[in-house]
Amino acid sequence: MDVLYFAWVRERIGIPKERIETEAATVSELVDELRSREARYAAAFADLSALRVAVDQELSDFDATLSGAREVAFFPPMTGG
């Protein structure tokens, strides 16, 4: 699956995108897996209330299933202006 990072999430992790193999059943399990990789991932995912997630380009919750998903994207909330 492709995992995409946007804005400050990308800056903390240091890459815009990566392809990963995972057994995670939900977005939350994927986040736990990513956090355990190394400190830069732990820092990026330290406060989930400051993040939004999309699964296959559909805005989702962190308890969303990953069954059949091809892409997960993490980004900060959008603001108007």
N, C-alpha and C. Protein backbone atom coordinates (compact mmCIF):
# COMPACT_ATOMS: atom_id res chain seq x y z
N MET A 1 0.85 -1.17 0.00
CA MET A 1 0.00 0.00 0.00
C MET A 1 0.89 1.23 0.00
N ASP A 2 0.41 2.28 -0.65
CA ASP A 2 1.12 3.56 -0.65
C ASP A 2 0.65 4.37 0.56
N VAL A 3 1.61 4.96 1.27
CA VAL A 3 1.30 5.85 2.38
C VAL A 3 1.87 7.21 2.02
N LEU A 4 1.01 8.22 2.04
CA LEU A 4 1.38 9.58 1.66
C LEU A 4 1.35 10.49 2.88
N TYR A 5 2.31 11.41 2.92
CA TYR A 5 2.42 12.36 4.03
C TYR A 5 2.42 13.77 3.45
N PHE A 6 1.63 14.67 4.05
CA PHE A 6 1.51 16.03 3.57
C PHE A 6 1.84 17.04 4.66
N ALA A 7 2.28 18.23 4.23
CA ALA A 7 2.55 19.38 5.10
C ALA A 7 3.56 19.02 6.19
N TRP A 8 3.29 19.39 7.44
CA TRP A 8 4.28 19.16 8.50
C TRP A 8 4.48 17.68 8.80
N VAL A 9 3.52 16.83 8.44
CA VAL A 9 3.72 15.38 8.63
C VAL A 9 4.89 14.94 7.75
N ARG A 10 4.87 15.37 6.50
CA ARG A 10 5.95 15.05 5.57
C ARG A 10 7.27 15.62 6.08
N GLU A 11 7.24 16.84 6.60
CA GLU A 11 8.47 17.46 7.09
C GLU A 11 9.06 16.68 8.26
N ARG A 12 8.24 16.20 9.15
CA ARG A 12 8.74 15.44 10.32
C ARG A 12 9.28 14.08 9.91
N ILE A 13 8.59 13.42 8.98
CA ILE A 13 9.03 12.09 8.58
C ILE A 13 10.19 12.17 7.57
N GLY A 14 10.17 13.20 6.74
CA GLY A 14 11.27 13.41 5.82
C GLY A 14 11.07 12.87 4.42
N ILE A 15 9.91 12.29 4.14
CA ILE A 15 9.59 11.78 2.81
C ILE A 15 8.12 12.06 2.50
N PRO A 16 7.78 12.24 1.23
CA PRO A 16 6.39 12.52 0.89
C PRO A 16 5.53 11.26 0.74
N LYS A 17 6.17 10.12 0.47
CA LYS A 17 5.41 8.92 0.14
C LYS A 17 6.30 7.69 0.31
N GLU A 18 5.68 6.59 0.68
CA GLU A 18 6.40 5.32 0.71
C GLU A 18 5.44 4.17 0.48
N ARG A 19 5.96 3.08 -0.04
CA ARG A 19 5.17 1.87 -0.22
C ARG A 19 5.53 0.93 0.92
N ILE A 20 4.50 0.46 1.64
CA ILE A 20 4.76 -0.43 2.77
C ILE A 20 3.92 -1.69 2.66
N GLU A 21 4.41 -2.73 3.28
CA GLU A 21 3.67 -3.97 3.47
C GLU A 21 3.22 -3.96 4.93
N THR A 22 1.94 -4.20 5.16
CA THR A 22 1.43 -4.16 6.53
C THR A 22 0.36 -5.23 6.73
N GLU A 23 0.26 -5.66 7.95
CA GLU A 23 -0.81 -6.57 8.36
C GLU A 23 -1.88 -5.81 9.15
N ALA A 24 -1.73 -4.50 9.25
CA ALA A 24 -2.67 -3.67 10.01
C ALA A 24 -4.07 -3.79 9.43
N ALA A 25 -5.05 -3.95 10.30
CA ALA A 25 -6.45 -4.08 9.87
C ALA A 25 -7.15 -2.72 9.83
N THR A 26 -6.64 -1.76 10.58
CA THR A 26 -7.26 -0.44 10.65
C THR A 26 -6.19 0.64 10.51
N VAL A 27 -6.62 1.85 10.27
CA VAL A 27 -5.69 2.98 10.20
C VAL A 27 -4.96 3.12 11.53
N SER A 28 -5.66 2.97 12.64
CA SER A 28 -5.04 3.09 13.96
C SER A 28 -3.92 2.07 14.14
N GLU A 29 -4.13 0.85 13.69
CA GLU A 29 -3.08 -0.18 13.78
C GLU A 29 -1.89 0.19 12.89
N LEU A 30 -2.17 0.78 11.72
CA LEU A 30 -1.10 1.23 10.84
C LEU A 30 -0.29 2.33 11.53
N VAL A 31 -0.96 3.27 12.16
CA VAL A 31 -0.28 4.35 12.88
C VAL A 31 0.62 3.76 13.97
N ASP A 32 0.11 2.79 14.73
CA ASP A 32 0.92 2.16 15.78
C ASP A 32 2.18 1.52 15.18
N GLU A 33 1.99 0.87 14.05
CA GLU A 33 3.11 0.23 13.35
C GLU A 33 4.14 1.28 12.90
N LEU A 34 3.66 2.37 12.33
CA LEU A 34 4.56 3.43 11.88
C LEU A 34 5.28 4.08 13.05
N ARG A 35 4.56 4.35 14.13
CA ARG A 35 5.16 4.97 15.32
C ARG A 35 6.34 4.15 15.84
N SER A 36 6.22 2.84 15.76
CA SER A 36 7.25 1.96 16.32
C SER A 36 8.49 1.87 15.44
N ARG A 37 8.44 2.42 14.24
CA ARG A 37 9.58 2.35 13.32
C ARG A 37 10.79 3.12 13.85
N GLU A 38 10.59 4.39 14.14
CA GLU A 38 11.68 5.23 14.63
C GLU A 38 11.12 6.56 15.13
N ALA A 39 11.98 7.36 15.72
CA ALA A 39 11.55 8.59 16.41
C ALA A 39 10.84 9.57 15.49
N ARG A 40 11.25 9.70 14.24
CA ARG A 40 10.61 10.68 13.36
C ARG A 40 9.14 10.34 13.10
N TYR A 41 8.82 9.05 13.03
CA TYR A 41 7.42 8.63 12.87
C TYR A 41 6.66 8.86 14.17
N ALA A 42 7.29 8.53 15.28
CA ALA A 42 6.66 8.76 16.59
C ALA A 42 6.32 10.23 16.77
N ALA A 43 7.22 11.12 16.34
CA ALA A 43 6.97 12.56 16.46
C ALA A 43 5.82 12.99 15.55
N ALA A 44 5.79 12.47 14.34
CA ALA A 44 4.74 12.86 13.40
C ALA A 44 3.36 12.41 13.85
N PHE A 45 3.29 11.27 14.52
CA PHE A 45 2.01 10.71 14.94
C PHE A 45 1.76 10.83 16.44
N ALA A 46 2.44 11.76 17.09
CA ALA A 46 2.31 11.93 18.54
C ALA A 46 0.92 12.40 18.96
N ASP A 47 0.30 13.25 18.16
CA ASP A 47 -1.01 13.81 18.51
C ASP A 47 -1.98 13.59 17.36
N LEU A 48 -2.73 12.51 17.42
CA LEU A 48 -3.66 12.18 16.33
C LEU A 48 -4.79 13.18 16.18
N SER A 49 -5.07 13.95 17.24
CA SER A 49 -6.13 14.95 17.12
C SER A 49 -5.72 16.07 16.16
N ALA A 50 -4.42 16.17 15.86
CA ALA A 50 -3.93 17.19 14.95
C ALA A 50 -3.78 16.65 13.52
N LEU A 51 -4.29 15.45 13.28
CA LEU A 51 -4.16 14.81 11.97
C LEU A 51 -5.51 14.41 11.39
N ARG A 52 -5.55 14.35 10.09
CA ARG A 52 -6.67 13.78 9.36
C ARG A 52 -6.11 12.66 8.50
N VAL A 53 -6.99 11.76 8.10
CA VAL A 53 -6.56 10.62 7.28
C VAL A 53 -7.56 10.38 6.16
N ALA A 54 -7.05 9.98 5.03
CA ALA A 54 -7.90 9.57 3.90
C ALA A 54 -7.45 8.18 3.46
N VAL A 55 -8.43 7.33 3.23
CA VAL A 55 -8.17 5.98 2.71
C VAL A 55 -8.72 5.94 1.30
N ASP A 56 -7.85 5.64 0.36
CA ASP A 56 -8.21 5.65 -1.06
C ASP A 56 -8.94 6.94 -1.45
N GLN A 57 -8.40 8.06 -0.98
CA GLN A 57 -8.86 9.41 -1.28
C GLN A 57 -10.24 9.75 -0.72
N GLU A 58 -10.68 9.01 0.29
CA GLU A 58 -11.93 9.30 0.99
C GLU A 58 -11.59 9.64 2.44
N LEU A 59 -12.01 10.81 2.91
CA LEU A 59 -11.77 11.19 4.29
C LEU A 59 -12.31 10.10 5.21
N SER A 60 -11.49 9.66 6.16
CA SER A 60 -11.84 8.53 7.01
C SER A 60 -11.50 8.82 8.46
N ASP A 61 -11.89 7.89 9.32
CA ASP A 61 -11.53 7.95 10.74
C ASP A 61 -10.36 7.00 10.98
N PHE A 62 -9.74 7.14 12.13
CA PHE A 62 -8.61 6.27 12.45
C PHE A 62 -9.03 4.83 12.74
N ASP A 63 -10.32 4.59 12.93
CA ASP A 63 -10.78 3.21 13.11
C ASP A 63 -11.24 2.59 11.79
N ALA A 64 -11.03 3.28 10.68
CA ALA A 64 -11.43 2.77 9.37
C ALA A 64 -10.63 1.53 9.01
N THR A 65 -11.28 0.61 8.33
CA THR A 65 -10.62 -0.62 7.91
C THR A 65 -9.68 -0.36 6.73
N LEU A 66 -8.65 -1.16 6.65
CA LEU A 66 -7.70 -1.07 5.55
C LEU A 66 -7.88 -2.20 4.55
N SER A 67 -8.88 -3.01 4.75
CA SER A 67 -9.13 -4.14 3.86
C SER A 67 -9.29 -3.66 2.42
N GLY A 68 -8.40 -4.09 1.56
CA GLY A 68 -8.46 -3.73 0.16
C GLY A 68 -7.94 -2.33 -0.17
N ALA A 69 -7.51 -1.58 0.84
CA ALA A 69 -7.03 -0.21 0.59
C ALA A 69 -5.72 -0.23 -0.19
N ARG A 70 -5.60 0.72 -1.10
CA ARG A 70 -4.37 0.86 -1.88
C ARG A 70 -3.56 2.08 -1.46
N GLU A 71 -4.22 3.03 -0.78
CA GLU A 71 -3.53 4.28 -0.42
C GLU A 71 -4.10 4.83 0.88
N VAL A 72 -3.19 5.30 1.74
CA VAL A 72 -3.56 6.00 2.97
C VAL A 72 -2.77 7.30 2.99
N ALA A 73 -3.45 8.40 3.25
CA ALA A 73 -2.78 9.71 3.29
C ALA A 73 -3.02 10.36 4.65
N PHE A 74 -1.97 10.94 5.19
CA PHE A 74 -2.04 11.65 6.47
C PHE A 74 -1.73 13.12 6.23
N PHE A 75 -2.52 14.01 6.84
CA PHE A 75 -2.36 15.44 6.65
C PHE A 75 -2.99 16.20 7.80
N PRO A 76 -2.54 17.44 8.02
CA PRO A 76 -3.17 18.26 9.07
C PRO A 76 -4.53 18.75 8.57
N PRO A 77 -5.41 19.15 9.49
CA PRO A 77 -6.70 19.70 9.09
C PRO A 77 -6.52 20.91 8.18
N MET A 78 -7.40 21.04 7.23
CA MET A 78 -7.35 22.19 6.33
C MET A 78 -8.03 23.38 7.03
N THR A 79 -7.52 24.55 6.75
CA THR A 79 -8.13 25.76 7.31
C THR A 79 -8.55 26.66 6.18
N GLY A 80 -9.56 27.42 6.42
CA GLY A 80 -10.04 28.37 5.40
C GLY A 80 -9.22 29.63 5.41
N GLY A 81 -9.41 30.44 4.41
CA GLY A 81 -8.68 31.67 4.43
C GLY A 81 -8.72 32.41 3.14
